[in-house]
């Protein structure tokens, strides 16, 4: 992949992340759950979730360039990714929440459903 294509893919990931962040900011389900959408940084942003028994502070939402190589010219659907961030701002994994690694999704609505599941599961 040449540099120009790489930069196009990077820009496409940033643009899609901005669109997803705006969609999440307007989403009534996330608001009702007590989630706060944080500012976008490059191709990702965080969703702060209410205090919970697993000490998850945020869910990182991204459109990672490494999983979306060729997005600008292959016209494929983007891959969306979530990761857990603890209350000390560290990446975390939790088997009880099905986070052995980052999780991948096919759409922003699937990510919203995942955030809802995580908030509900972590407050049982």
C-alpha atoms as a PDB file:
ATOM      1  CA  UNK A   1       0.000   0.000   0.000  1.00  0.00           C
ATOM      2  CA  UNK A   2       1.423   3.375  -0.942  1.00  0.00           C
ATOM      3  CA  UNK A   3       1.509   6.391   1.356  1.00  0.00           C
ATOM      4  CA  UNK A   4      -1.333   8.220  -0.417  1.00  0.00           C
ATOM      5  CA  UNK A   5      -3.676   5.251  -0.046  1.00  0.00           C
ATOM      6  CA  UNK A   6      -2.636   4.811   3.578  1.00  0.00           C
ATOM      7  CA  UNK A   7      -3.508   8.451   4.296  1.00  0.00           C
ATOM      8  CA  UNK A   8      -6.860   8.145   2.495  1.00  0.00           C
ATOM      9  CA  UNK A   9      -7.713   5.153   4.668  1.00  0.00           C
ATOM     10  CA  UNK A  10      -6.652   7.049   7.808  1.00  0.00           C
ATOM     11  CA  UNK A  11      -8.832  10.007   6.832  1.00  0.00           C
ATOM     12  CA  UNK A  12     -11.776   7.730   6.054  1.00  0.00           C
ATOM     13  CA  UNK A  13     -11.465   6.109   9.516  1.00  0.00           C
ATOM     14  CA  UNK A  14     -11.380   9.541  11.175  1.00  0.00           C
ATOM     15  CA  UNK A  15     -14.420  10.723   9.226  1.00  0.00           C
ATOM     16  CA  UNK A  16     -16.406   7.583  10.072  1.00  0.00           C
ATOM     17  CA  UNK A  17     -15.416   7.867  13.745  1.00  0.00           C
ATOM     18  CA  UNK A  18     -16.652  11.471  13.793  1.00  0.00           C
ATOM     19  CA  UNK A  19     -19.969  10.384  12.287  1.00  0.00           C
ATOM     20  CA  UNK A  20     -20.296   7.559  14.810  1.00  0.00           C
ATOM     21  CA  UNK A  21     -19.469   9.881  17.707  1.00  0.00           C
ATOM     22  CA  UNK A  22     -22.131  12.355  16.566  1.00  0.00           C
ATOM     23  CA  UNK A  23     -24.655   9.516  16.278  1.00  0.00           C
ATOM     24  CA  UNK A  24     -23.787   8.354  19.799  1.00  0.00           C
ATOM     25  CA  UNK A  25     -24.090  11.873  21.235  1.00  0.00           C
ATOM     26  CA  UNK A  26     -27.650  12.060  19.922  1.00  0.00           C
ATOM     27  CA  UNK A  27     -28.624   8.531  20.963  1.00  0.00           C
ATOM     28  CA  UNK A  28     -31.372   8.490  23.603  1.00  0.00           C
ATOM     29  CA  UNK A  29     -30.542   4.947  24.773  1.00  0.00           C
ATOM     30  CA  UNK A  30     -27.002   5.940  25.753  1.00  0.00           C
ATOM     31  CA  UNK A  31     -28.312   9.032  27.535  1.00  0.00           C
ATOM     32  CA  UNK A  32     -30.872   6.980  29.469  1.00  0.00           C
ATOM     33  CA  UNK A  33     -28.119   4.584  30.553  1.00  0.00           C
ATOM     34  CA  UNK A  34     -26.134   7.501  31.981  1.00  0.00           C
ATOM     35  CA  UNK A  35     -23.359   7.300  29.385  1.00  0.00           C
ATOM     36  CA  UNK A  36     -21.355  10.340  28.322  1.00  0.00           C
ATOM     37  CA  UNK A  37     -19.729  10.475  24.894  1.00  0.00           C
ATOM     38  CA  UNK A  38     -16.216  11.926  25.050  1.00  0.00           C
ATOM     39  CA  UNK A  39     -14.450  13.983  22.338  1.00  0.00           C
ATOM     40  CA  UNK A  40     -13.045  12.222  19.308  1.00  0.00           C
ATOM     41  CA  UNK A  41      -9.291  11.650  19.075  1.00  0.00           C
ATOM     42  CA  UNK A  42      -8.218  10.600  15.584  1.00  0.00           C
ATOM     43  CA  UNK A  43     -10.143   7.423  14.666  1.00  0.00           C
ATOM     44  CA  UNK A  44     -11.572   6.750  18.138  1.00  0.00           C
ATOM     45  CA  UNK A  45     -13.495   8.178  21.078  1.00  0.00           C
ATOM     46  CA  UNK A  46     -14.636   6.964  24.461  1.00  0.00           C
ATOM     47  CA  UNK A  47     -18.027   6.449  26.014  1.00  0.00           C
ATOM     48  CA  UNK A  48     -17.963   6.922  29.772  1.00  0.00           C
ATOM     49  CA  UNK A  49     -20.264   4.510  31.563  1.00  0.00           C
ATOM     50  CA  UNK A  50     -21.739   4.753  35.065  1.00  0.00           C
ATOM     51  CA  UNK A  51     -19.823   3.395  38.051  1.00  0.00           C
ATOM     52  CA  UNK A  52     -19.983  -0.403  38.092  1.00  0.00           C
ATOM     53  CA  UNK A  53     -18.747  -3.529  39.860  1.00  0.00           C
ATOM     54  CA  UNK A  54     -16.130  -4.301  37.183  1.00  0.00           C
ATOM     55  CA  UNK A  55     -14.444  -0.868  37.406  1.00  0.00           C
ATOM     56  CA  UNK A  56     -14.957  -0.219  33.710  1.00  0.00           C
ATOM     57  CA  UNK A  57     -14.657   3.520  33.242  1.00  0.00           C
ATOM     58  CA  UNK A  58     -14.976   3.816  29.489  1.00  0.00           C
ATOM     59  CA  UNK A  59     -15.653   1.881  26.364  1.00  0.00           C
ATOM     60  CA  UNK A  60     -13.250   2.854  23.625  1.00  0.00           C
ATOM     61  CA  UNK A  61     -15.011   2.967  20.258  1.00  0.00           C
ATOM     62  CA  UNK A  62     -12.939   3.070  17.116  1.00  0.00           C
ATOM     63  CA  UNK A  63     -12.685   2.498  13.419  1.00  0.00           C
ATOM     64  CA  UNK A  64      -9.130   1.160  13.476  1.00  0.00           C
ATOM     65  CA  UNK A  65      -7.039   1.732  10.359  1.00  0.00           C
ATOM     66  CA  UNK A  66      -5.309  -1.649  10.726  1.00  0.00           C
ATOM     67  CA  UNK A  67      -8.664  -3.464  10.468  1.00  0.00           C
ATOM     68  CA  UNK A  68      -9.861  -1.189   7.666  1.00  0.00           C
ATOM     69  CA  UNK A  69      -6.955  -1.207   5.222  1.00  0.00           C
ATOM     70  CA  UNK A  70      -8.220  -0.591   1.723  1.00  0.00           C
ATOM     71  CA  UNK A  71     -11.410   1.040   2.986  1.00  0.00           C
ATOM     72  CA  UNK A  72     -10.949   4.023   0.651  1.00  0.00           C
ATOM     73  CA  UNK A  73     -10.636   2.011  -2.562  1.00  0.00           C
ATOM     74  CA  UNK A  74     -12.196  -1.420  -1.938  1.00  0.00           C
ATOM     75  CA  UNK A  75     -15.554   0.141  -1.025  1.00  0.00           C
ATOM     76  CA  UNK A  76     -15.980  -2.420   1.753  1.00  0.00           C
ATOM     77  CA  UNK A  77     -17.981  -1.929   4.918  1.00  0.00           C
ATOM     78  CA  UNK A  78     -15.945  -0.624   7.852  1.00  0.00           C
ATOM     79  CA  UNK A  79     -15.040  -2.650  10.907  1.00  0.00           C
ATOM     80  CA  UNK A  80     -15.985  -1.087  14.257  1.00  0.00           C
ATOM     81  CA  UNK A  81     -14.075  -1.979  17.388  1.00  0.00           C
ATOM     82  CA  UNK A  82     -14.634  -1.671  21.138  1.00  0.00           C
ATOM     83  CA  UNK A  83     -12.238  -2.075  24.041  1.00  0.00           C
ATOM     84  CA  UNK A  84     -12.658  -1.710  27.787  1.00  0.00           C
ATOM     85  CA  UNK A  85     -10.785   0.989  29.697  1.00  0.00           C
ATOM     86  CA  UNK A  86     -10.715   0.796  33.484  1.00  0.00           C
ATOM     87  CA  UNK A  87     -11.228   3.622  35.962  1.00  0.00           C
ATOM     88  CA  UNK A  88      -7.423   4.098  36.095  1.00  0.00           C
ATOM     89  CA  UNK A  89      -7.371   4.772  32.340  1.00  0.00           C
ATOM     90  CA  UNK A  90      -5.776   1.418  31.468  1.00  0.00           C
ATOM     91  CA  UNK A  91      -6.859  -1.041  28.793  1.00  0.00           C
ATOM     92  CA  UNK A  92      -8.542  -4.001  30.470  1.00  0.00           C
ATOM     93  CA  UNK A  93      -9.854  -7.443  29.632  1.00  0.00           C
ATOM     94  CA  UNK A  94     -12.631  -9.220  31.485  1.00  0.00           C
ATOM     95  CA  UNK A  95     -13.864 -12.732  30.760  1.00  0.00           C
ATOM     96  CA  UNK A  96     -17.141 -12.130  32.620  1.00  0.00           C
ATOM     97  CA  UNK A  97     -17.922  -9.361  30.116  1.00  0.00           C
ATOM     98  CA  UNK A  98     -16.674 -11.406  27.125  1.00  0.00           C
ATOM     99  CA  UNK A  99     -13.643  -9.173  26.608  1.00  0.00           C
ATOM    100  CA  UNK A 100     -10.691 -11.458  26.065  1.00  0.00           C
ATOM    101  CA  UNK A 101      -9.426  -8.895  23.541  1.00  0.00           C
ATOM    102  CA  UNK A 102     -11.024  -6.048  21.613  1.00  0.00           C
ATOM    103  CA  UNK A 103     -14.388  -6.881  20.057  1.00  0.00           C
ATOM    104  CA  UNK A 104     -15.380  -6.095  16.494  1.00  0.00           C
ATOM    105  CA  UNK A 105     -18.744  -5.143  15.029  1.00  0.00           C
ATOM    106  CA  UNK A 106     -20.325  -4.406  11.661  1.00  0.00           C
ATOM    107  CA  UNK A 107     -22.222  -1.195  12.441  1.00  0.00           C
ATOM    108  CA  UNK A 108     -22.570   1.679  14.922  1.00  0.00           C
ATOM    109  CA  UNK A 109     -25.960   0.293  16.019  1.00  0.00           C
ATOM    110  CA  UNK A 110     -24.270  -2.986  16.991  1.00  0.00           C
ATOM    111  CA  UNK A 111     -21.776  -0.971  19.064  1.00  0.00           C
ATOM    112  CA  UNK A 112     -24.632   0.863  20.814  1.00  0.00           C
ATOM    113  CA  UNK A 113     -26.225  -2.507  21.608  1.00  0.00           C
ATOM    114  CA  UNK A 114     -22.886  -3.699  22.978  1.00  0.00           C
ATOM    115  CA  UNK A 115     -22.549  -0.637  25.225  1.00  0.00           C
ATOM    116  CA  UNK A 116     -26.078  -1.226  26.504  1.00  0.00           C
ATOM    117  CA  UNK A 117     -25.223  -4.881  27.208  1.00  0.00           C
ATOM    118  CA  UNK A 118     -22.048  -3.911  29.059  1.00  0.00           C
ATOM    119  CA  UNK A 119     -23.775  -1.317  31.229  1.00  0.00           C
ATOM    120  CA  UNK A 120     -26.595  -3.706  32.101  1.00  0.00           C
ATOM    121  CA  UNK A 121     -24.242  -6.659  32.723  1.00  0.00           C
ATOM    122  CA  UNK A 122     -21.860  -4.665  34.877  1.00  0.00           C
ATOM    123  CA  UNK A 123     -24.676  -3.466  37.125  1.00  0.00           C
ATOM    124  CA  UNK A 124     -26.324  -6.839  37.830  1.00  0.00           C
END
